[in-house]
Amino acid sequence: MTKHVTLAEFQAHAAELLTEVQETGEAVVITEDGRPPVELKRQAAEPVLTGEERLRRLEALRGSIVVYGDIMAPVADEEDWELD
């Protein structure tokens, strides 16, 4: 069951409510004048990729990079710089 609190209750107990949502995973709806403007819920964790999945994704990028010219050469000649 989703917990409902008023905006004033949330302001007074924000730290405890955040901890509760984090620990239980249960959402909290914050109401203002009877309207629910915000739902506070735990963010889903980022998936952990296996080495095989990482390689598959990198392989999908093969051939997508185009190099024009010498990427190791200086951008400008030394004569173009002024030193004070």
PDB file of N, CA and C in Angstrom:
ATOM      1  N   MET A   1       0.847  -1.187   0.000  1.00  0.00           N
ATOM      2  CA  MET A   1       0.000   0.000   0.000  1.00  0.00           C
ATOM      3  C   MET A   1       0.888   1.244   0.000  1.00  0.00           C
ATOM      4  N   THR A   2       0.552   2.194  -0.854  1.00  0.00           N
ATOM      5  CA  THR A   2       1.334   3.418  -0.969  1.00  0.00           C
ATOM      6  C   THR A   2       0.981   4.370   0.166  1.00  0.00           C
ATOM      7  N   LYS A   3       1.995   4.951   0.747  1.00  0.00           N
ATOM      8  CA  LYS A   3       1.812   5.893   1.855  1.00  0.00           C
ATOM      9  C   LYS A   3       1.550   7.291   1.282  1.00  0.00           C
ATOM     10  N   HIS A   4       0.605   8.022   1.871  1.00  0.00           N
ATOM     11  CA  HIS A   4       0.302   9.393   1.474  1.00  0.00           C
ATOM     12  C   HIS A   4       0.635  10.326   2.630  1.00  0.00           C
ATOM     13  N   VAL A   5       1.357  11.403   2.335  1.00  0.00           N
ATOM     14  CA  VAL A   5       1.665  12.416   3.348  1.00  0.00           C
ATOM     15  C   VAL A   5       1.404  13.788   2.743  1.00  0.00           C
ATOM     16  N   THR A   6       1.127  14.742   3.615  1.00  0.00           N
ATOM     17  CA  THR A   6       0.943  16.111   3.138  1.00  0.00           C
ATOM     18  C   THR A   6       2.316  16.743   2.912  1.00  0.00           C
ATOM     19  N   LEU A   7       2.329  17.839   2.203  1.00  0.00           N
ATOM     20  CA  LEU A   7       3.582  18.542   1.952  1.00  0.00           C
ATOM     21  C   LEU A   7       4.217  18.989   3.269  1.00  0.00           C
ATOM     22  N   ALA A   8       3.401  19.454   4.208  1.00  0.00           N
ATOM     23  CA  ALA A   8       3.926  19.875   5.509  1.00  0.00           C
ATOM     24  C   ALA A   8       4.556  18.701   6.261  1.00  0.00           C
ATOM     25  N   GLU A   9       3.913  17.531   6.207  1.00  0.00           N
ATOM     26  CA  GLU A   9       4.483  16.342   6.851  1.00  0.00           C
ATOM     27  C   GLU A   9       5.805  15.955   6.202  1.00  0.00           C
ATOM     28  N   PHE A  10       5.844  16.042   4.877  1.00  0.00           N
ATOM     29  CA  PHE A  10       7.088  15.705   4.179  1.00  0.00           C
ATOM     30  C   PHE A  10       8.217  16.644   4.580  1.00  0.00           C
ATOM     31  N   GLN A  11       7.903  17.951   4.631  1.00  0.00           N
ATOM     32  CA  GLN A  11       8.926  18.927   5.008  1.00  0.00           C
ATOM     33  C   GLN A  11       9.446  18.672   6.424  1.00  0.00           C
ATOM     34  N   ALA A  12       8.573  18.251   7.307  1.00  0.00           N
ATOM     35  CA  ALA A  12       8.968  18.023   8.694  1.00  0.00           C
ATOM     36  C   ALA A  12       9.738  16.707   8.879  1.00  0.00           C
ATOM     37  N   HIS A  13       9.484  15.729   8.005  1.00  0.00           N
ATOM     38  CA  HIS A  13      10.067  14.396   8.195  1.00  0.00           C
ATOM     39  C   HIS A  13      10.747  13.874   6.929  1.00  0.00           C
ATOM     40  N   ALA A  14      11.323  14.755   6.131  1.00  0.00           N
ATOM     41  CA  ALA A  14      11.903  14.367   4.844  1.00  0.00           C
ATOM     42  C   ALA A  14      12.969  13.290   4.987  1.00  0.00           C
ATOM     43  N   ALA A  15      13.887  13.456   5.918  1.00  0.00           N
ATOM     44  CA  ALA A  15      14.986  12.493   6.067  1.00  0.00           C
ATOM     45  C   ALA A  15      14.452  11.100   6.399  1.00  0.00           C
ATOM     46  N   GLU A  16      13.492  11.015   7.325  1.00  0.00           N
ATOM     47  CA  GLU A  16      12.943   9.712   7.692  1.00  0.00           C
ATOM     48  C   GLU A  16      12.187   9.080   6.531  1.00  0.00           C
ATOM     49  N   LEU A  17      11.434   9.906   5.781  1.00  0.00           N
ATOM     50  CA  LEU A  17      10.676   9.371   4.651  1.00  0.00           C
ATOM     51  C   LEU A  17      11.609   8.875   3.548  1.00  0.00           C
ATOM     52  N   LEU A  18      12.688   9.599   3.284  1.00  0.00           N
ATOM     53  CA  LEU A  18      13.654   9.161   2.281  1.00  0.00           C
ATOM     54  C   LEU A  18      14.281   7.832   2.677  1.00  0.00           C
ATOM     55  N   THR A  19      14.632   7.700   3.939  1.00  0.00           N
ATOM     56  CA  THR A  19      15.211   6.449   4.435  1.00  0.00           C
ATOM     57  C   THR A  19      14.206   5.309   4.303  1.00  0.00           C
ATOM     58  N   GLU A  20      12.966   5.579   4.641  1.00  0.00           N
ATOM     59  CA  GLU A  20      11.910   4.565   4.557  1.00  0.00           C
ATOM     60  C   GLU A  20      11.715   4.080   3.122  1.00  0.00           C
ATOM     61  N   VAL A  21      11.676   5.014   2.189  1.00  0.00           N
ATOM     62  CA  VAL A  21      11.514   4.651   0.774  1.00  0.00           C
ATOM     63  C   VAL A  21      12.710   3.837   0.302  1.00  0.00           C
ATOM     64  N   GLN A  22      13.896   4.245   0.694  1.00  0.00           N
ATOM     65  CA  GLN A  22      15.108   3.543   0.290  1.00  0.00           C
ATOM     66  C   GLN A  22      15.129   2.114   0.839  1.00  0.00           C
ATOM     67  N   GLU A  23      14.740   1.943   2.089  1.00  0.00           N
ATOM     68  CA  GLU A  23      14.809   0.629   2.734  1.00  0.00           C
ATOM     69  C   GLU A  23      13.684  -0.304   2.309  1.00  0.00           C
ATOM     70  N   THR A  24      12.465   0.227   2.189  1.00  0.00           N
ATOM     71  CA  THR A  24      11.315  -0.636   1.887  1.00  0.00           C
ATOM     72  C   THR A  24      11.003  -0.727   0.404  1.00  0.00           C
ATOM     73  N   GLY A  25      11.386   0.297  -0.370  1.00  0.00           N
ATOM     74  CA  GLY A  25      11.049   0.319  -1.789  1.00  0.00           C
ATOM     75  C   GLY A  25       9.621   0.763  -2.041  1.00  0.00           C
ATOM     76  N   GLU A  26       8.881   1.054  -0.970  1.00  0.00           N
ATOM     77  CA  GLU A  26       7.495   1.494  -1.097  1.00  0.00           C
ATOM     78  C   GLU A  26       7.448   2.988  -1.391  1.00  0.00           C
ATOM     79  N   ALA A  27       6.644   3.386  -2.367  1.00  0.00           N
ATOM     80  CA  ALA A  27       6.539   4.785  -2.767  1.00  0.00           C
ATOM     81  C   ALA A  27       5.783   5.606  -1.728  1.00  0.00           C
ATOM     82  N   VAL A  28       6.052   6.899  -1.711  1.00  0.00           N
ATOM     83  CA  VAL A  28       5.332   7.842  -0.860  1.00  0.00           C
ATOM     84  C   VAL A  28       4.765   8.932  -1.770  1.00  0.00           C
ATOM     85  N   VAL A  29       3.467   9.165  -1.680  1.00  0.00           N
ATOM     86  CA  VAL A  29       2.822  10.225  -2.450  1.00  0.00           C
ATOM     87  C   VAL A  29       2.718  11.451  -1.560  1.00  0.00           C
ATOM     88  N   ILE A  30       3.225  12.571  -2.059  1.00  0.00           N
ATOM     89  CA  ILE A  30       3.201  13.829  -1.307  1.00  0.00           C
ATOM     90  C   ILE A  30       2.071  14.671  -1.870  1.00  0.00           C
ATOM     91  N   THR A  31       1.078  14.951  -1.033  1.00  0.00           N
ATOM     92  CA  THR A  31      -0.098  15.688  -1.494  1.00  0.00           C
ATOM     93  C   THR A  31      -0.045  17.138  -1.033  1.00  0.00           C
ATOM     94  N   GLU A  32      -0.668  17.980  -1.840  1.00  0.00           N
ATOM     95  CA  GLU A  32      -0.786  19.400  -1.494  1.00  0.00           C
ATOM     96  C   GLU A  32      -2.209  19.812  -1.816  1.00  0.00           C
ATOM     97  N   ASP A  33      -2.934  20.242  -0.807  1.00  0.00           N
ATOM     98  CA  ASP A  33      -4.343  20.595  -0.944  1.00  0.00           C
ATOM     99  C   ASP A  33      -5.162  19.432  -1.521  1.00  0.00           C
ATOM    100  N   GLY A  34      -4.816  18.207  -1.103  1.00  0.00           N
ATOM    101  CA  GLY A  34      -5.570  17.038  -1.539  1.00  0.00           C
ATOM    102  C   GLY A  34      -5.163  16.501  -2.902  1.00  0.00           C
ATOM    103  N   ARG A  35      -4.314  17.210  -3.625  1.00  0.00           N
ATOM    104  CA  ARG A  35      -3.859  16.752  -4.945  1.00  0.00           C
ATOM    105  C   ARG A  35      -2.494  16.087  -4.790  1.00  0.00           C
ATOM    106  N   PRO A  36      -2.260  14.991  -5.492  1.00  0.00           N
ATOM    107  CA  PRO A  36      -0.949  14.337  -5.409  1.00  0.00           C
ATOM    108  C   PRO A  36       0.018  14.863  -6.479  1.00  0.00           C
ATOM    109  N   PRO A  37       0.809  15.892  -6.164  1.00  0.00           N
ATOM    110  CA  PRO A  37       1.708  16.426  -7.178  1.00  0.00           C
ATOM    111  C   PRO A  37       2.992  15.632  -7.358  1.00  0.00           C
ATOM    112  N   VAL A  38       3.390  14.845  -6.346  1.00  0.00           N
ATOM    113  CA  VAL A  38       4.684  14.173  -6.394  1.00  0.00           C
ATOM    114  C   VAL A  38       4.572  12.764  -5.835  1.00  0.00           C
ATOM    115  N   GLU A  39       5.268  11.830  -6.503  1.00  0.00           N
ATOM    116  CA  GLU A  39       5.410  10.482  -5.956  1.00  0.00           C
ATOM    117  C   GLU A  39       6.898  10.242  -5.755  1.00  0.00           C
ATOM    118  N   LEU A  40       7.264   9.926  -4.553  1.00  0.00           N
ATOM    119  CA  LEU A  40       8.658   9.673  -4.198  1.00  0.00           C
ATOM    120  C   LEU A  40       8.859   8.173  -4.189  1.00  0.00           C
ATOM    121  N   LYS A  41       9.770   7.686  -5.067  1.00  0.00           N
ATOM    122  CA  LYS A  41      10.024   6.250  -5.084  1.00  0.00           C
ATOM    123  C   LYS A  41      11.494   5.978  -5.327  1.00  0.00           C
ATOM    124  N   ARG A  42      11.920   4.785  -4.971  1.00  0.00           N
ATOM    125  CA  ARG A  42      13.314   4.400  -5.103  1.00  0.00           C
ATOM    126  C   ARG A  42      13.650   4.213  -6.577  1.00  0.00           C
ATOM    127  N   GLN A  43      14.808   4.718  -6.965  1.00  0.00           N
ATOM    128  CA  GLN A  43      15.264   4.589  -8.336  1.00  0.00           C
ATOM    129  C   GLN A  43      15.782   3.174  -8.551  1.00  0.00           C
ATOM    130  N   ALA A  44      15.492   2.636  -9.715  1.00  0.00           N
ATOM    131  CA  ALA A  44      15.971   1.299 -10.032  1.00  0.00           C
ATOM    132  C   ALA A  44      17.485   1.323 -10.177  1.00  0.00           C
ATOM    133  N   ALA A  45      18.120   0.288  -9.709  1.00  0.00           N
ATOM    134  CA  ALA A  45      19.577   0.202  -9.795  1.00  0.00           C
ATOM    135  C   ALA A  45      20.005  -0.016 -11.243  1.00  0.00           C
ATOM    136  N   GLU A  46      21.169   0.510 -11.574  1.00  0.00           N
ATOM    137  CA  GLU A  46      21.727   0.302 -12.909  1.00  0.00           C
ATOM    138  C   GLU A  46      22.082  -1.181 -13.053  1.00  0.00           C
ATOM    139  N   PRO A  47      21.771  -1.762 -14.209  1.00  0.00           N
ATOM    140  CA  PRO A  47      22.117  -3.171 -14.371  1.00  0.00           C
ATOM    141  C   PRO A  47      23.631  -3.359 -14.435  1.00  0.00           C
ATOM    142  N   VAL A  48      24.091  -4.452 -13.883  1.00  0.00           N
ATOM    143  CA  VAL A  48      25.515  -4.779 -13.925  1.00  0.00           C
ATOM    144  C   VAL A  48      25.754  -5.594 -15.189  1.00  0.00           C
ATOM    145  N   LEU A  49      26.608  -5.062 -16.065  1.00  0.00           N
ATOM    146  CA  LEU A  49      26.861  -5.733 -17.332  1.00  0.00           C
ATOM    147  C   LEU A  49      27.947  -6.784 -17.182  1.00  0.00           C
ATOM    148  N   THR A  50      27.743  -7.919 -17.817  1.00  0.00           N
ATOM    149  CA  THR A  50      28.770  -8.952 -17.829  1.00  0.00           C
ATOM    150  C   THR A  50      29.840  -8.554 -18.837  1.00  0.00           C
ATOM    151  N   GLY A  51      30.993  -9.178 -18.741  1.00  0.00           N
ATOM    152  CA  GLY A  51      32.062  -8.905 -19.696  1.00  0.00           C
ATOM    153  C   GLY A  51      31.611  -9.192 -21.119  1.00  0.00           C
ATOM    154  N   GLU A  52      30.831 -10.238 -21.283  1.00  0.00           N
ATOM    155  CA  GLU A  52      30.324 -10.603 -22.609  1.00  0.00           C
ATOM    156  C   GLU A  52      29.401  -9.516 -23.159  1.00  0.00           C
ATOM    157  N   GLU A  53      28.537  -8.976 -22.315  1.00  0.00           N
ATOM    158  CA  GLU A  53      27.614  -7.916 -22.739  1.00  0.00           C
ATOM    159  C   GLU A  53      28.379  -6.651 -23.097  1.00  0.00           C
ATOM    160  N   ARG A  54      29.411  -6.313 -22.330  1.00  0.00           N
ATOM    161  CA  ARG A  54      30.231  -5.133 -22.643  1.00  0.00           C
ATOM    162  C   ARG A  54      30.895  -5.290 -24.001  1.00  0.00           C
ATOM    163  N   LEU A  55      31.448  -6.465 -24.254  1.00  0.00           N
ATOM    164  CA  LEU A  55      32.086  -6.715 -25.549  1.00  0.00           C
ATOM    165  C   LEU A  55      31.087  -6.637 -26.695  1.00  0.00           C
ATOM    166  N   ARG A  56      29.887  -7.157 -26.494  1.00  0.00           N
ATOM    167  CA  ARG A  56      28.849  -7.097 -27.521  1.00  0.00           C
ATOM    168  C   ARG A  56      28.508  -5.647 -27.864  1.00  0.00           C
ATOM    169  N   ARG A  57      28.392  -4.817 -26.826  1.00  0.00           N
ATOM    170  CA  ARG A  57      28.077  -3.402 -27.060  1.00  0.00           C
ATOM    171  C   ARG A  57      29.215  -2.681 -27.772  1.00  0.00           C
ATOM    172  N   LEU A  58      30.451  -2.979 -27.384  1.00  0.00           N
ATOM    173  CA  LEU A  58      31.597  -2.366 -28.072  1.00  0.00           C
ATOM    174  C   LEU A  58      31.673  -2.830 -29.517  1.00  0.00           C
ATOM    175  N   GLU A  59      31.406  -4.092 -29.743  1.00  0.00           N
ATOM    176  CA  GLU A  59      31.436  -4.633 -31.102  1.00  0.00           C
ATOM    177  C   GLU A  59      30.396  -3.943 -31.982  1.00  0.00           C
ATOM    178  N   ALA A  60      29.262  -3.571 -31.406  1.00  0.00           N
ATOM    179  CA  ALA A  60      28.221  -2.871 -32.158  1.00  0.00           C
ATOM    180  C   ALA A  60      28.702  -1.502 -32.640  1.00  0.00           C
ATOM    181  N   LEU A  61      29.701  -0.927 -31.969  1.00  0.00           N
ATOM    182  CA  LEU A  61      30.238   0.379 -32.364  1.00  0.00           C
ATOM    183  C   LEU A  61      31.318   0.280 -33.443  1.00  0.00           C
ATOM    184  N   ARG A  62      31.798  -0.940 -33.707  1.00  0.00           N
ATOM    185  CA  ARG A  62      32.879  -1.117 -34.678  1.00  0.00           C
ATOM    186  C   ARG A  62      32.493  -0.510 -36.028  1.00  0.00           C
ATOM    187  N   GLY A  63      33.400   0.306 -36.562  1.00  0.00           N
ATOM    188  CA  GLY A  63      33.171   0.940 -37.853  1.00  0.00           C
ATOM    189  C   GLY A  63      32.386   2.240 -37.776  1.00  0.00           C
ATOM    190  N   SER A  64      31.983   2.651 -36.589  1.00  0.00           N
ATOM    191  CA  SER A  64      31.169   3.865 -36.476  1.00  0.00           C
ATOM    192  C   SER A  64      32.013   5.121 -36.285  1.00  0.00           C
ATOM    193  N   ILE A  65      33.326   4.964 -36.091  1.00  0.00           N
ATOM    194  CA  ILE A  65      34.202   6.112 -35.882  1.00  0.00           C
ATOM    195  C   ILE A  65      34.980   6.381 -37.160  1.00  0.00           C
ATOM    196  N   VAL A  66      34.961   7.632 -37.603  1.00  0.00           N
ATOM    197  CA  VAL A  66      35.680   8.026 -38.805  1.00  0.00           C
ATOM    198  C   VAL A  66      36.762   9.010 -38.387  1.00  0.00           C
ATOM    199  N   VAL A  67      38.001   8.754 -38.807  1.00  0.00           N
ATOM    200  CA  VAL A  67      39.120   9.625 -38.478  1.00  0.00           C
ATOM    201  C   VAL A  67      39.521  10.397 -39.729  1.00  0.00           C
ATOM    202  N   TYR A  68      39.590  11.711 -39.607  1.00  0.00           N
ATOM    203  CA  TYR A  68      40.020  12.573 -40.707  1.00  0.00           C
ATOM    204  C   TYR A  68      41.384  13.156 -40.357  1.00  0.00           C
ATOM    205  N   GLY A  69      42.399  12.817 -41.098  1.00  0.00           N
ATOM    206  CA  GLY A  69      43.713  13.390 -40.879  1.00  0.00           C
ATOM    207  C   GLY A  69      44.450  12.728 -39.739  1.00  0.00           C
ATOM    208  N   ASP A  70      45.531  13.371 -39.330  1.00  0.00           N
ATOM    209  CA  ASP A  70      46.398  12.863 -38.270  1.00  0.00           C
ATOM    210  C   ASP A  70      45.866  13.345 -36.923  1.00  0.00           C
ATOM    211  N   ILE A  71      45.310  12.453 -36.142  1.00  0.00           N
ATOM    212  CA  ILE A  71      44.714  12.859 -34.863  1.00  0.00           C
ATOM    213  C   ILE A  71      45.765  13.126 -33.796  1.00  0.00           C
ATOM    214  N   MET A  72      47.016  12.773 -34.052  1.00  0.00           N
ATOM    215  CA  MET A  72      48.087  12.999 -33.083  1.00  0.00           C
ATOM    216  C   MET A  72      48.861  14.290 -33.361  1.00  0.00           C
ATOM    217  N   ALA A  73      48.640  14.893 -34.513  1.00  0.00           N
ATOM    218  CA  ALA A  73      49.372  16.102 -34.880  1.00  0.00           C
ATOM    219  C   ALA A  73      48.852  17.296 -34.080  1.00  0.00           C
ATOM    220  N   PRO A  74      49.692  18.313 -33.845  1.00  0.00           N
ATOM    221  CA  PRO A  74      49.228  19.520 -33.145  1.00  0.00           C
ATOM    222  C   PRO A  74      48.103  20.204 -33.922  1.00  0.00           C
ATOM    223  N   VAL A  75      47.243  20.882 -33.211  1.00  0.00           N
ATOM    224  CA  VAL A  75      46.125  21.575 -33.831  1.00  0.00           C
ATOM    225  C   VAL A  75      46.616  22.792 -34.616  1.00  0.00           C
ATOM    226  N   ALA A  76      47.622  23.476 -34.086  1.00  0.00           N
ATOM    227  CA  ALA A  76      48.156  24.686 -34.733  1.00  0.00           C
ATOM    228  C   ALA A  76      49.681  24.610 -34.757  1.00  0.00           C
ATOM    229  N   ASP A  77      50.284  25.358 -35.669  1.00  0.00           N
ATOM    230  CA  ASP A  77      51.730  25.427 -35.731  1.00  0.00           C
ATOM    231  C   ASP A  77      52.255  26.272 -34.573  1.00  0.00           C
ATOM    232  N   GLU A  78      53.509  26.033 -34.183  1.00  0.00           N
ATOM    233  CA  GLU A  78      54.110  26.799 -33.081  1.00  0.00           C
ATOM    234  C   GLU A  78      54.171  28.286 -33.401  1.00  0.00           C
ATOM    235  N   GLU A  79      54.330  28.637 -34.694  1.00  0.00           N
ATOM    236  CA  GLU A  79      54.425  30.044 -35.077  1.00  0.00           C
ATOM    237  C   GLU A  79      53.104  30.793 -34.854  1.00  0.00           C
ATOM    238  N   ASP A  80      51.990  30.064 -34.755  1.00  0.00           N
ATOM    239  CA  ASP A  80      50.684  30.697 -34.566  1.00  0.00           C
ATOM    240  C   ASP A  80      50.445  31.145 -33.127  1.00  0.00           C
ATOM    241  N   TRP A  81      51.308  30.737 -32.191  1.00  0.00           N
ATOM    242  CA  TRP A  81      51.157  31.086 -30.791  1.00  0.00           C
ATOM    243  C   TRP A  81      52.018  32.284 -30.450  1.00  0.00           C
ATOM    244  N   GLU A  82      51.459  33.188 -29.659  1.00  0.00           N
ATOM    245  CA  GLU A  82      52.212  34.338 -29.189  1.00  0.00           C
ATOM    246  C   GLU A  82      52.444  34.191 -27.692  1.00  0.00           C
ATOM    247  N   LEU A  83      53.693  34.382 -27.272  1.00  0.00           N
ATOM    248  CA  LEU A  83      54.004  34.305 -25.855  1.00  0.00           C
ATOM    249  C   LEU A  83      54.345  35.707 -25.352  1.00  0.00           C
ATOM    250  N   ASP A  84      53.823  36.070 -24.200  1.00  0.00           N
ATOM    251  CA  ASP A  84      54.118  37.384 -23.623  1.00  0.00           C
ATOM    252  C   ASP A  84      55.210  37.302 -22.610  1.00  0.00           C
TER     253      ASP A  84
END
